PDB file of N, CA and C in Angstrom:
ATOM      1  N   MET A   1      -9.431   1.674  20.864  1.00  0.00           N
ATOM      2  CA  MET A   1      -9.033   0.333  20.498  1.00  0.00           C
ATOM      3  C   MET A   1      -9.657  -0.074  19.161  1.00  0.00           C
ATOM      4  N   PHE A   2     -10.934   0.264  18.961  1.00  0.00           N
ATOM      5  CA  PHE A   2     -11.598  -0.095  17.711  1.00  0.00           C
ATOM      6  C   PHE A   2     -11.037   0.677  16.529  1.00  0.00           C
ATOM      7  N   GLN A   3     -10.550   1.891  16.771  1.00  0.00           N
ATOM      8  CA  GLN A   3      -9.955   2.655  15.684  1.00  0.00           C
ATOM      9  C   GLN A   3      -8.671   1.988  15.193  1.00  0.00           C
ATOM     10  N   ILE A   4      -7.895   1.444  16.113  1.00  0.00           N
ATOM     11  CA  ILE A   4      -6.659   0.765  15.731  1.00  0.00           C
ATOM     12  C   ILE A   4      -6.974  -0.497  14.932  1.00  0.00           C
ATOM     13  N   LEU A   5      -7.949  -1.278  15.414  1.00  0.00           N
ATOM     14  CA  LEU A   5      -8.345  -2.482  14.687  1.00  0.00           C
ATOM     15  C   LEU A   5      -8.915  -2.137  13.312  1.00  0.00           C
ATOM     16  N   GLY A   6      -9.694  -1.066  13.242  1.00  0.00           N
ATOM     17  CA  GLY A   6     -10.234  -0.617  11.958  1.00  0.00           C
ATOM     18  C   GLY A   6      -9.134  -0.187  11.004  1.00  0.00           C
ATOM     19  N   PHE A   7      -8.124   0.498  11.529  1.00  0.00           N
ATOM     20  CA  PHE A   7      -6.999   0.947  10.716  1.00  0.00           C
ATOM     21  C   PHE A   7      -6.226  -0.257  10.177  1.00  0.00           C
ATOM     22  N   ILE A   8      -6.041  -1.280  11.007  1.00  0.00           N
ATOM     23  CA  ILE A   8      -5.357  -2.492  10.560  1.00  0.00           C
ATOM     24  C   ILE A   8      -6.184  -3.198   9.488  1.00  0.00           C
ATOM     25  N   LEU A   9      -7.494  -3.276   9.696  1.00  0.00           N
ATOM     26  CA  LEU A   9      -8.366  -3.926   8.717  1.00  0.00           C
ATOM     27  C   LEU A   9      -8.351  -3.189   7.382  1.00  0.00           C
ATOM     28  N   ILE A  10      -8.409  -1.873   7.425  1.00  0.00           N
ATOM     29  CA  ILE A  10      -8.319  -1.081   6.192  1.00  0.00           C
ATOM     30  C   ILE A  10      -6.958  -1.287   5.540  1.00  0.00           C
ATOM     31  N   GLY A  11      -5.907  -1.381   6.354  1.00  0.00           N
ATOM     32  CA  GLY A  11      -4.568  -1.653   5.826  1.00  0.00           C
ATOM     33  C   GLY A  11      -4.508  -2.978   5.096  1.00  0.00           C
ATOM     34  N   VAL A  12      -5.176  -3.994   5.646  1.00  0.00           N
ATOM     35  CA  VAL A  12      -5.226  -5.304   4.989  1.00  0.00           C
ATOM     36  C   VAL A  12      -5.933  -5.186   3.644  1.00  0.00           C
ATOM     37  N   VAL A  13      -7.088  -4.541   3.632  1.00  0.00           N
ATOM     38  CA  VAL A  13      -7.871  -4.416   2.397  1.00  0.00           C
ATOM     39  C   VAL A  13      -7.087  -3.642   1.340  1.00  0.00           C
ATOM     40  N   ILE A  14      -6.522  -2.521   1.717  1.00  0.00           N
ATOM     41  CA  ILE A  14      -5.787  -1.696   0.753  1.00  0.00           C
ATOM     42  C   ILE A  14      -4.516  -2.408   0.300  1.00  0.00           C
ATOM     43  N   GLY A  15      -3.814  -3.058   1.214  1.00  0.00           N
ATOM     44  CA  GLY A  15      -2.607  -3.797   0.849  1.00  0.00           C
ATOM     45  C   GLY A  15      -2.897  -4.935  -0.113  1.00  0.00           C
ATOM     46  N   VAL A  16      -3.957  -5.687   0.141  1.00  0.00           N
ATOM     47  CA  VAL A  16      -4.333  -6.795  -0.744  1.00  0.00           C
ATOM     48  C   VAL A  16      -4.745  -6.260  -2.120  1.00  0.00           C
ATOM     49  N   LEU A  17      -5.534  -5.192  -2.136  1.00  0.00           N
ATOM     50  CA  LEU A  17      -5.918  -4.593  -3.422  1.00  0.00           C
ATOM     51  C   LEU A  17      -4.688  -4.117  -4.198  1.00  0.00           C
ATOM     52  N   ALA A  18      -3.753  -3.514  -3.489  1.00  0.00           N
ATOM     53  CA  ALA A  18      -2.536  -3.020  -4.145  1.00  0.00           C
ATOM     54  C   ALA A  18      -1.748  -4.169  -4.757  1.00  0.00           C
ATOM     55  N   ARG A  19      -1.645  -5.278  -4.030  1.00  0.00           N
ATOM     56  CA  ARG A  19      -0.912  -6.430  -4.561  1.00  0.00           C
ATOM     57  C   ARG A  19      -1.641  -7.058  -5.741  1.00  0.00           C
ATOM     58  N   LEU A  20      -2.962  -7.034  -5.730  1.00  0.00           N
ATOM     59  CA  LEU A  20      -3.722  -7.568  -6.854  1.00  0.00           C
ATOM     60  C   LEU A  20      -3.591  -6.682  -8.092  1.00  0.00           C
ATOM     61  N   LEU A  21      -3.502  -5.362  -7.874  1.00  0.00           N
ATOM     62  CA  LEU A  21      -3.420  -4.428  -8.993  1.00  0.00           C
ATOM     63  C   LEU A  21      -2.020  -4.325  -9.576  1.00  0.00           C
ATOM     64  N   LYS A  22      -1.010  -4.606  -8.768  1.00  0.00           N
ATOM     65  CA  LYS A  22       0.367  -4.524  -9.253  1.00  0.00           C
ATOM     66  C   LYS A  22       0.703  -5.783 -10.041  1.00  0.00           C
ATOM     67  N   PRO A  23       1.082  -5.620 -11.298  1.00  0.00           N
ATOM     68  CA  PRO A  23       1.383  -6.802 -12.102  1.00  0.00           C
ATOM     69  C   PRO A  23       2.665  -7.494 -11.640  1.00  0.00           C
ATOM     70  N   GLY A  24       2.753  -8.753 -11.936  1.00  0.00           N
ATOM     71  CA  GLY A  24       3.948  -9.515 -11.602  1.00  0.00           C
ATOM     72  C   GLY A  24       3.836 -10.201 -10.259  1.00  0.00           C
ATOM     73  N   ARG A  25       4.839 -10.982  -9.970  1.00  0.00           N
ATOM     74  CA  ARG A  25       4.876 -11.735  -8.723  1.00  0.00           C
ATOM     75  C   ARG A  25       5.608 -10.924  -7.671  1.00  0.00           C
ATOM     76  N   GLN A  26       5.025 -10.833  -6.494  1.00  0.00           N
ATOM     77  CA  GLN A  26       5.665 -10.116  -5.389  1.00  0.00           C
ATOM     78  C   GLN A  26       6.088 -11.109  -4.316  1.00  0.00           C
ATOM     79  N   SER A  27       7.226 -10.847  -3.726  1.00  0.00           N
ATOM     80  CA  SER A  27       7.704 -11.714  -2.655  1.00  0.00           C
ATOM     81  C   SER A  27       7.489 -11.064  -1.290  1.00  0.00           C
ATOM     82  N   LEU A  28       6.540 -10.181  -1.222  1.00  0.00           N
ATOM     83  CA  LEU A  28       6.236  -9.457   0.007  1.00  0.00           C
ATOM     84  C   LEU A  28       5.341 -10.316   0.885  1.00  0.00           C
ATOM     85  N   GLY A  29       5.656 -10.408   2.163  1.00  0.00           N
ATOM     86  CA  GLY A  29       4.876 -11.218   3.086  1.00  0.00           C
ATOM     87  C   GLY A  29       3.594 -10.534   3.533  1.00  0.00           C
ATOM     88  N   PHE A  30       2.818 -11.265   4.347  1.00  0.00           N
ATOM     89  CA  PHE A  30       1.535 -10.756   4.811  1.00  0.00           C
ATOM     90  C   PHE A  30       1.706  -9.513   5.686  1.00  0.00           C
ATOM     91  N   LEU A  31       2.687  -9.524   6.587  1.00  0.00           N
ATOM     92  CA  LEU A  31       2.897  -8.347   7.444  1.00  0.00           C
ATOM     93  C   LEU A  31       3.352  -7.139   6.631  1.00  0.00           C
ATOM     94  N   GLY A  32       4.159  -7.389   5.614  1.00  0.00           N
ATOM     95  CA  GLY A  32       4.567  -6.295   4.729  1.00  0.00           C
ATOM     96  C   GLY A  32       3.388  -5.723   3.972  1.00  0.00           C
ATOM     97  N   THR A  33       2.493  -6.611   3.549  1.00  0.00           N
ATOM     98  CA  THR A  33       1.277  -6.178   2.856  1.00  0.00           C
ATOM     99  C   THR A  33       0.430  -5.304   3.760  1.00  0.00           C
ATOM    100  N   ILE A  34       0.250  -5.734   5.008  1.00  0.00           N
ATOM    101  CA  ILE A  34      -0.532  -4.947   5.970  1.00  0.00           C
ATOM    102  C   ILE A  34       0.144  -3.601   6.222  1.00  0.00           C
ATOM    103  N   GLY A  35       1.446  -3.632   6.441  1.00  0.00           N
ATOM    104  CA  GLY A  35       2.177  -2.388   6.721  1.00  0.00           C
ATOM    105  C   GLY A  35       2.087  -1.392   5.591  1.00  0.00           C
ATOM    106  N   LEU A  36       2.306  -1.870   4.365  1.00  0.00           N
ATOM    107  CA  LEU A  36       2.226  -0.962   3.212  1.00  0.00           C
ATOM    108  C   LEU A  36       0.805  -0.493   2.966  1.00  0.00           C
ATOM    109  N   GLY A  37      -0.168  -1.352   3.248  1.00  0.00           N
ATOM    110  CA  GLY A  37      -1.569  -0.943   3.140  1.00  0.00           C
ATOM    111  C   GLY A  37      -1.912   0.131   4.154  1.00  0.00           C
ATOM    112  N   MET A  38      -1.388  -0.007   5.366  1.00  0.00           N
ATOM    113  CA  MET A  38      -1.646   1.007   6.400  1.00  0.00           C
ATOM    114  C   MET A  38      -0.983   2.330   6.044  1.00  0.00           C
ATOM    115  N   VAL A  39       0.236   2.261   5.507  1.00  0.00           N
ATOM    116  CA  VAL A  39       0.907   3.502   5.090  1.00  0.00           C
ATOM    117  C   VAL A  39       0.142   4.133   3.925  1.00  0.00           C
ATOM    118  N   GLY A  40      -0.310   3.306   2.992  1.00  0.00           N
ATOM    119  CA  GLY A  40      -1.122   3.822   1.884  1.00  0.00           C
ATOM    120  C   GLY A  40      -2.406   4.460   2.380  1.00  0.00           C
ATOM    121  N   ALA A  41      -3.054   3.820   3.378  1.00  0.00           N
ATOM    122  CA  ALA A  41      -4.282   4.384   3.958  1.00  0.00           C
ATOM    123  C   ALA A  41      -4.002   5.719   4.625  1.00  0.00           C
ATOM    124  N   LEU A  42      -2.867   5.809   5.295  1.00  0.00           N
ATOM    125  CA  LEU A  42      -2.496   7.067   5.940  1.00  0.00           C
ATOM    126  C   LEU A  42      -2.261   8.161   4.906  1.00  0.00           C
ATOM    127  N   ILE A  43      -1.555   7.822   3.847  1.00  0.00           N
ATOM    128  CA  ILE A  43      -1.314   8.794   2.766  1.00  0.00           C
ATOM    129  C   ILE A  43      -2.630   9.220   2.131  1.00  0.00           C
ATOM    130  N   GLY A  44      -3.505   8.251   1.864  1.00  0.00           N
ATOM    131  CA  GLY A  44      -4.816   8.578   1.283  1.00  0.00           C
ATOM    132  C   GLY A  44      -5.638   9.469   2.191  1.00  0.00           C
ATOM    133  N   GLY A  45      -5.607   9.199   3.492  1.00  0.00           N
ATOM    134  CA  GLY A  45      -6.335  10.032   4.447  1.00  0.00           C
ATOM    135  C   GLY A  45      -5.797  11.446   4.515  1.00  0.00           C
ATOM    136  N   ILE A  46      -4.477  11.568   4.457  1.00  0.00           N
ATOM    137  CA  ILE A  46      -3.855  12.900   4.496  1.00  0.00           C
ATOM    138  C   ILE A  46      -4.215  13.693   3.240  1.00  0.00           C
ATOM    139  N   VAL A  47      -4.116  13.044   2.083  1.00  0.00           N
ATOM    140  CA  VAL A  47      -4.439  13.737   0.828  1.00  0.00           C
ATOM    141  C   VAL A  47      -5.908  14.147   0.805  1.00  0.00           C
ATOM    142  N   ALA A  48      -6.796  13.239   1.214  1.00  0.00           N
ATOM    143  CA  ALA A  48      -8.227  13.572   1.243  1.00  0.00           C
ATOM    144  C   ALA A  48      -8.504  14.707   2.214  1.00  0.00           C
ATOM    145  N   SER A  49      -7.809  14.702   3.338  1.00  0.00           N
ATOM    146  CA  SER A  49      -7.980  15.775   4.314  1.00  0.00           C
ATOM    147  C   SER A  49      -7.492  17.113   3.750  1.00  0.00           C
ATOM    148  N   LEU A  50      -6.364  17.083   3.055  1.00  0.00           N
ATOM    149  CA  LEU A  50      -5.836  18.314   2.451  1.00  0.00           C
ATOM    150  C   LEU A  50      -6.752  18.847   1.354  1.00  0.00           C
ATOM    151  N   LEU A  51      -7.446  17.929   0.668  1.00  0.00           N
ATOM    152  CA  LEU A  51      -8.385  18.346  -0.374  1.00  0.00           C
ATOM    153  C   LEU A  51      -9.716  18.807   0.199  1.00  0.00           C
ATOM    154  N   GLY A  52      -9.899  18.629   1.494  1.00  0.00           N
ATOM    155  CA  GLY A  52     -11.116  19.083   2.154  1.00  0.00           C
ATOM    156  C   GLY A  52     -12.295  18.152   2.006  1.00  0.00           C
ATOM    157  N   THR A  53     -12.043  16.874   1.702  1.00  0.00           N
ATOM    158  CA  THR A  53     -13.153  15.942   1.527  1.00  0.00           C
ATOM    159  C   THR A  53     -13.519  15.202   2.805  1.00  0.00           C
ATOM    160  N   GLY A  54     -12.821  15.473   3.878  1.00  0.00           N
ATOM    161  CA  GLY A  54     -13.138  14.821   5.148  1.00  0.00           C
ATOM    162  C   GLY A  54     -11.924  14.749   6.048  1.00  0.00           C
ATOM    163  N   GLU A  55     -12.140  14.189   7.205  1.00  0.00           N
ATOM    164  CA  GLU A  55     -11.048  14.018   8.163  1.00  0.00           C
ATOM    165  C   GLU A  55     -10.158  12.857   7.737  1.00  0.00           C
ATOM    166  N   ILE A  56      -8.978  12.805   8.301  1.00  0.00           N
ATOM    167  CA  ILE A  56      -8.014  11.763   7.949  1.00  0.00           C
ATOM    168  C   ILE A  56      -8.525  10.375   8.328  1.00  0.00           C
ATOM    169  N   THR A  57      -9.357  10.279   9.366  1.00  0.00           N
ATOM    170  CA  THR A  57      -9.839   8.980   9.830  1.00  0.00           C
ATOM    171  C   THR A  57     -11.125   8.542   9.137  1.00  0.00           C
ATOM    172  N   GLU A  58     -11.706   9.385   8.299  1.00  0.00           N
ATOM    173  CA  GLU A  58     -12.934   9.031   7.596  1.00  0.00           C
ATOM    174  C   GLU A  58     -12.611   8.241   6.342  1.00  0.00           C
ATOM    175  N   LEU A  59     -13.467   7.306   6.040  1.00  0.00           N
ATOM    176  CA  LEU A  59     -13.322   6.545   4.816  1.00  0.00           C
ATOM    177  C   LEU A  59     -14.180   7.196   3.740  1.00  0.00           C
ATOM    178  N   ASN A  60     -13.506   7.730   2.719  1.00  0.00           N
ATOM    179  CA  ASN A  60     -14.235   8.329   1.602  1.00  0.00           C
ATOM    180  C   ASN A  60     -13.607   7.867   0.291  1.00  0.00           C
ATOM    181  N   VAL A  61     -14.276   8.132  -0.790  1.00  0.00           N
ATOM    182  CA  VAL A  61     -13.860   7.602  -2.089  1.00  0.00           C
ATOM    183  C   VAL A  61     -12.497   8.133  -2.506  1.00  0.00           C
ATOM    184  N   ILE A  62     -12.303   9.436  -2.404  1.00  0.00           N
ATOM    185  CA  ILE A  62     -11.028  10.021  -2.831  1.00  0.00           C
ATOM    186  C   ILE A  62      -9.882   9.476  -1.990  1.00  0.00           C
ATOM    187  N   GLY A  63     -10.073   9.439  -0.688  1.00  0.00           N
ATOM    188  CA  GLY A  63      -9.033   8.906   0.196  1.00  0.00           C
ATOM    189  C   GLY A  63      -8.733   7.454  -0.101  1.00  0.00           C
ATOM    190  N   PHE A  64      -9.764   6.666  -0.382  1.00  0.00           N
ATOM    191  CA  PHE A  64      -9.575   5.254  -0.673  1.00  0.00           C
ATOM    192  C   PHE A  64      -8.801   5.052  -1.969  1.00  0.00           C
ATOM    193  N   VAL A  65      -9.170   5.799  -3.008  1.00  0.00           N
ATOM    194  CA  VAL A  65      -8.485   5.677  -4.293  1.00  0.00           C
ATOM    195  C   VAL A  65      -7.018   6.093  -4.163  1.00  0.00           C
ATOM    196  N   VAL A  66      -6.773   7.210  -3.492  1.00  0.00           N
ATOM    197  CA  VAL A  66      -5.398   7.665  -3.291  1.00  0.00           C
ATOM    198  C   VAL A  66      -4.624   6.642  -2.453  1.00  0.00           C
ATOM    199  N   ALA A  67      -5.276   6.056  -1.465  1.00  0.00           N
ATOM    200  CA  ALA A  67      -4.626   5.058  -0.616  1.00  0.00           C
ATOM    201  C   ALA A  67      -4.212   3.839  -1.422  1.00  0.00           C
ATOM    202  N   VAL A  68      -5.076   3.371  -2.304  1.00  0.00           N
ATOM    203  CA  VAL A  68      -4.741   2.199  -3.115  1.00  0.00           C
ATOM    204  C   VAL A  68      -3.609   2.526  -4.082  1.00  0.00           C
ATOM    205  N   VAL A  69      -3.659   3.677  -4.722  1.00  0.00           N
ATOM    206  CA  VAL A  69      -2.597   4.081  -5.645  1.00  0.00           C
ATOM    207  C   VAL A  69      -1.270   4.210  -4.892  1.00  0.00           C
ATOM    208  N   ALA A  70      -1.301   4.843  -3.724  1.00  0.00           N
ATOM    209  CA  ALA A  70      -0.090   4.980  -2.924  1.00  0.00           C
ATOM    210  C   ALA A  70       0.444   3.612  -2.515  1.00  0.00           C
ATOM    211  N   ALA A  71      -0.423   2.705  -2.140  1.00  0.00           N
ATOM    212  CA  ALA A  71       0.012   1.368  -1.737  1.00  0.00           C
ATOM    213  C   ALA A  71       0.608   0.595  -2.910  1.00  0.00           C
ATOM    214  N   VAL A  72       0.035   0.745  -4.113  1.00  0.00           N
ATOM    215  CA  VAL A  72       0.612   0.095  -5.290  1.00  0.00           C
ATOM    216  C   VAL A  72       2.032   0.611  -5.523  1.00  0.00           C
ATOM    217  N   LEU A  73       2.209   1.921  -5.423  1.00  0.00           N
ATOM    218  CA  LEU A  73       3.548   2.497  -5.578  1.00  0.00           C
ATOM    219  C   LEU A  73       4.489   2.002  -4.494  1.00  0.00           C
ATOM    220  N   LEU A  74       4.001   1.912  -3.255  1.00  0.00           N
ATOM    221  CA  LEU A  74       4.829   1.428  -2.153  1.00  0.00           C
ATOM    222  C   LEU A  74       5.210  -0.040  -2.328  1.00  0.00           C
ATOM    223  N   VAL A  75       4.291  -0.849  -2.845  1.00  0.00           N
ATOM    224  CA  VAL A  75       4.613  -2.257  -3.112  1.00  0.00           C
ATOM    225  C   VAL A  75       5.717  -2.342  -4.160  1.00  0.00           C
ATOM    226  N   GLY A  76       5.626  -1.524  -5.191  1.00  0.00           N
ATOM    227  CA  GLY A  76       6.669  -1.496  -6.212  1.00  0.00           C
ATOM    228  C   GLY A  76       8.013  -1.077  -5.656  1.00  0.00           C
ATOM    229  N   ILE A  77       8.015  -0.060  -4.810  1.00  0.00           N
ATOM    230  CA  ILE A  77       9.261   0.396  -4.186  1.00  0.00           C
ATOM    231  C   ILE A  77       9.824  -0.686  -3.277  1.00  0.00           C
ATOM    232  N   ALA A  78       8.956  -1.299  -2.473  1.00  0.00           N
ATOM    233  CA  ALA A  78       9.409  -2.353  -1.560  1.00  0.00           C
ATOM    234  C   ALA A  78       9.975  -3.533  -2.340  1.00  0.00           C
ATOM    235  N   GLU A  79       9.347  -3.903  -3.431  1.00  0.00           N
ATOM    236  CA  GLU A  79       9.851  -5.006  -4.246  1.00  0.00           C
ATOM    237  C   GLU A  79      11.218  -4.668  -4.823  1.00  0.00           C
ATOM    238  N   GLY A  80      11.405  -3.426  -5.247  1.00  0.00           N
ATOM    239  CA  GLY A  80      12.712  -3.010  -5.754  1.00  0.00           C
ATOM    240  C   GLY A  80      13.789  -3.087  -4.696  1.00  0.00           C
ATOM    241  N   ILE A  81      13.452  -2.687  -3.489  1.00  0.00           N
ATOM    242  CA  ILE A  81      14.421  -2.727  -2.392  1.00  0.00           C
ATOM    243  C   ILE A  81      14.706  -4.162  -1.987  1.00  0.00           C
ATOM    244  N   VAL A  82      13.672  -4.974  -1.845  1.00  0.00           N
ATOM    245  CA  VAL A  82      13.846  -6.373  -1.443  1.00  0.00           C
ATOM    246  C   VAL A  82      14.639  -7.126  -2.504  1.00  0.00           C
ATOM    247  N   GLY A  83      14.310  -6.904  -3.762  1.00  0.00           N
ATOM    248  CA  GLY A  83      15.025  -7.569  -4.846  1.00  0.00           C
ATOM    249  C   GLY A  83      16.492  -7.185  -4.892  1.00  0.00           C
ATOM    250  N   ARG A  84      16.775  -5.930  -4.636  1.00  0.00           N
ATOM    251  CA  ARG A  84      18.156  -5.451  -4.645  1.00  0.00           C
ATOM    252  C   ARG A  84      18.929  -6.027  -3.471  1.00  0.00           C
ATOM    253  N   ASN A  85      18.297  -6.096  -2.293  1.00  0.00           N
ATOM    254  CA  ASN A  85      18.961  -6.631  -1.110  1.00  0.00           C
ATOM    255  C   ASN A  85      19.195  -8.124  -1.204  1.00  0.00           C
ATOM    256  N   ARG A  86      18.355  -8.837  -1.915  1.00  0.00           N
ATOM    257  CA  ARG A  86      18.529 -10.283  -2.081  1.00  0.00           C
ATOM    258  C   ARG A  86      19.552 -10.607  -3.150  1.00  0.00           C
ATOM    259  N   GLY A  87      19.934  -9.604  -3.907  1.00  0.00           N
ATOM    260  CA  GLY A  87      20.898  -9.831  -4.956  1.00  0.00           C
ATOM    261  C   GLY A  87      20.310 -10.489  -6.175  1.00  0.00           C
ATOM    262  N   ASP A  88      19.001 -10.290  -6.366  1.00  0.00           N
ATOM    263  CA  ASP A  88      18.341 -10.865  -7.533  1.00  0.00           C
ATOM    264  C   ASP A  88      18.864 -10.172  -8.796  1.00  0.00           C
ATOM    265  N   VAL A  89      19.636 -10.900  -9.530  1.00  0.00           N
ATOM    266  CA  VAL A  89      20.125 -10.374 -10.790  1.00  0.00           C
ATOM    267  C   VAL A  89      19.594 -11.288 -11.870  1.00  0.00           C
ATOM    268  N   ARG A  90      18.836 -10.742 -12.747  1.00  0.00           N
ATOM    269  CA  ARG A  90      18.237 -11.547 -13.804  1.00  0.00           C
ATOM    270  C   ARG A  90      19.171 -11.593 -14.992  1.00  0.00           C
ATOM    271  N   ALA A  91      19.331 -12.772 -15.486  1.00  0.00           N
ATOM    272  CA  ALA A  91      20.190 -12.957 -16.642  1.00  0.00           C
ATOM    273  C   ALA A  91      19.523 -12.387 -17.874  1.00  0.00           C
ATOM    274  N   THR A  92      20.286 -11.722 -18.665  1.00  0.00           N
ATOM    275  CA  THR A  92      19.749 -11.180 -19.898  1.00  0.00           C
ATOM    276  C   THR A  92      20.347 -11.965 -21.046  1.00  0.00           C
ATOM    277  N   SER A  93      19.554 -12.166 -22.045  1.00  0.00           N
ATOM    278  CA  SER A  93      20.075 -12.894 -23.210  1.00  0.00           C
ATOM    279  C   SER A  93      20.477 -11.883 -24.281  1.00  0.00           C
ATOM    280  N   ASP A  94      21.625 -12.088 -24.800  1.00  0.00           N
ATOM    281  CA  ASP A  94      22.121 -11.177 -25.852  1.00  0.00           C
ATOM    282  C   ASP A  94      21.966 -11.800 -27.196  1.00  0.00           C
TER     283      ASP A  94
END
Protein backbone atom coordinates (compact mmCIF):
# COMPACT_ATOMS: atom_id res chain seq x y z
CA MET A 1 0.00 0.00 0.00
CA PHE A 2 2.82 2.42 0.85
CA GLN A 3 4.54 1.69 -2.45
CA ILE A 4 1.43 2.76 -4.35
CA LEU A 5 1.12 5.96 -2.32
CA GLY A 6 4.84 6.63 -2.82
CA PHE A 7 4.48 6.09 -6.57
CA ILE A 8 1.57 8.55 -6.68
CA LEU A 9 3.55 11.09 -4.65
CA ILE A 10 6.56 10.76 -6.96
CA GLY A 11 4.17 11.12 -9.90
CA VAL A 12 2.90 14.39 -8.44
CA VAL A 13 6.42 15.74 -7.92
CA ILE A 14 7.65 14.72 -11.37
CA GLY A 15 4.46 15.92 -13.08
CA VAL A 16 4.62 19.33 -11.37
CA LEU A 17 8.32 19.69 -12.22
CA ALA A 18 7.60 18.77 -15.83
CA ARG A 19 4.86 21.40 -16.07
CA LEU A 20 7.14 24.02 -14.52
CA LEU A 21 9.96 23.18 -16.95
CA LYS A 22 7.76 23.12 -20.05
CA PRO A 23 7.38 26.64 -21.40
CA GLY A 24 3.99 28.06 -22.20
CA ARG A 25 0.56 27.62 -20.72
CA GLN A 26 -0.79 24.11 -20.34
CA SER A 27 -4.44 23.23 -20.05
CA LEU A 28 -3.70 19.89 -18.43
CA GLY A 29 -5.59 19.17 -15.21
CA PHE A 30 -4.25 17.92 -11.89
CA LEU A 31 -5.11 14.27 -12.59
CA GLY A 32 -3.43 14.50 -15.98
CA THR A 33 -0.36 15.96 -14.32
CA ILE A 34 -0.26 13.09 -11.83
CA GLY A 35 -0.81 10.50 -14.56
CA LEU A 36 1.91 11.86 -16.82
CA GLY A 37 4.25 12.20 -13.85
CA MET A 38 3.65 8.57 -12.93
CA VAL A 39 4.28 7.45 -16.51
CA GLY A 40 7.44 9.57 -16.56
CA ALA A 41 8.53 8.00 -13.26
CA LEU A 42 7.94 4.56 -14.70
CA ILE A 43 9.97 5.38 -17.81
CA GLY A 44 12.76 6.83 -15.67
CA GLY A 45 12.79 3.74 -13.47
CA ILE A 46 12.94 1.43 -16.47
CA VAL A 47 15.79 3.38 -18.09
CA ALA A 48 17.74 3.52 -14.81
CA SER A 49 17.20 -0.20 -14.34
CA LEU A 50 18.41 -0.94 -17.88
CA LEU A 51 21.50 1.18 -17.23
CA GLY A 52 22.20 -0.87 -14.11
CA THR A 53 21.93 2.00 -11.64
CA GLY A 54 19.30 0.33 -9.49
CA GLU A 55 15.92 -1.32 -9.39
CA ILE A 56 12.90 0.22 -11.08
CA THR A 57 11.35 1.10 -7.70
CA GLU A 58 14.46 2.84 -6.33
CA LEU A 59 14.77 6.57 -6.45
CA ASN A 60 18.11 7.55 -7.94
CA VAL A 61 19.48 10.58 -9.75
CA ILE A 62 19.59 9.10 -13.25
CA GLY A 63 16.08 7.68 -12.96
CA PHE A 64 14.76 10.96 -11.61
CA VAL A 65 16.33 13.05 -14.38
CA VAL A 66 15.08 10.67 -17.08
CA ALA A 67 11.63 10.67 -15.44
CA VAL A 68 11.40 14.46 -15.50
CA VAL A 69 12.59 14.66 -19.12
CA ALA A 70 10.12 11.94 -20.13
CA ALA A 71 7.30 13.74 -18.31
CA VAL A 72 8.14 17.04 -20.03
CA LEU A 73 7.93 15.27 -23.39
CA LEU A 74 4.67 13.59 -22.36
CA VAL A 75 3.17 16.94 -21.29
CA GLY A 76 4.07 18.34 -24.70
CA ILE A 77 2.51 15.38 -26.48
CA ALA A 78 -0.62 15.56 -24.32
CA GLU A 79 -0.96 19.29 -24.99
CA GLY A 80 -0.70 18.64 -28.73
CA ILE A 81 -3.40 16.00 -28.56
CA VAL A 82 -5.69 18.04 -26.31
CA GLY A 83 -5.24 21.14 -28.45
CA ARG A 84 -6.00 19.21 -31.62
CA ASN A 85 -9.10 17.59 -30.11
CA ARG A 86 -10.44 20.93 -28.90
CA GLY A 87 -10.03 22.38 -32.33
CA ASP A 88 -7.69 25.10 -31.17
CA VAL A 89 -6.70 26.83 -34.34
CA ARG A 90 -4.60 29.89 -33.86
CA ALA A 91 -5.04 32.70 -36.27
CA THR A 92 -1.97 33.68 -38.14
CA SER A 93 -1.35 37.16 -39.37
CA ASP A 94 -0.14 37.56 -42.90
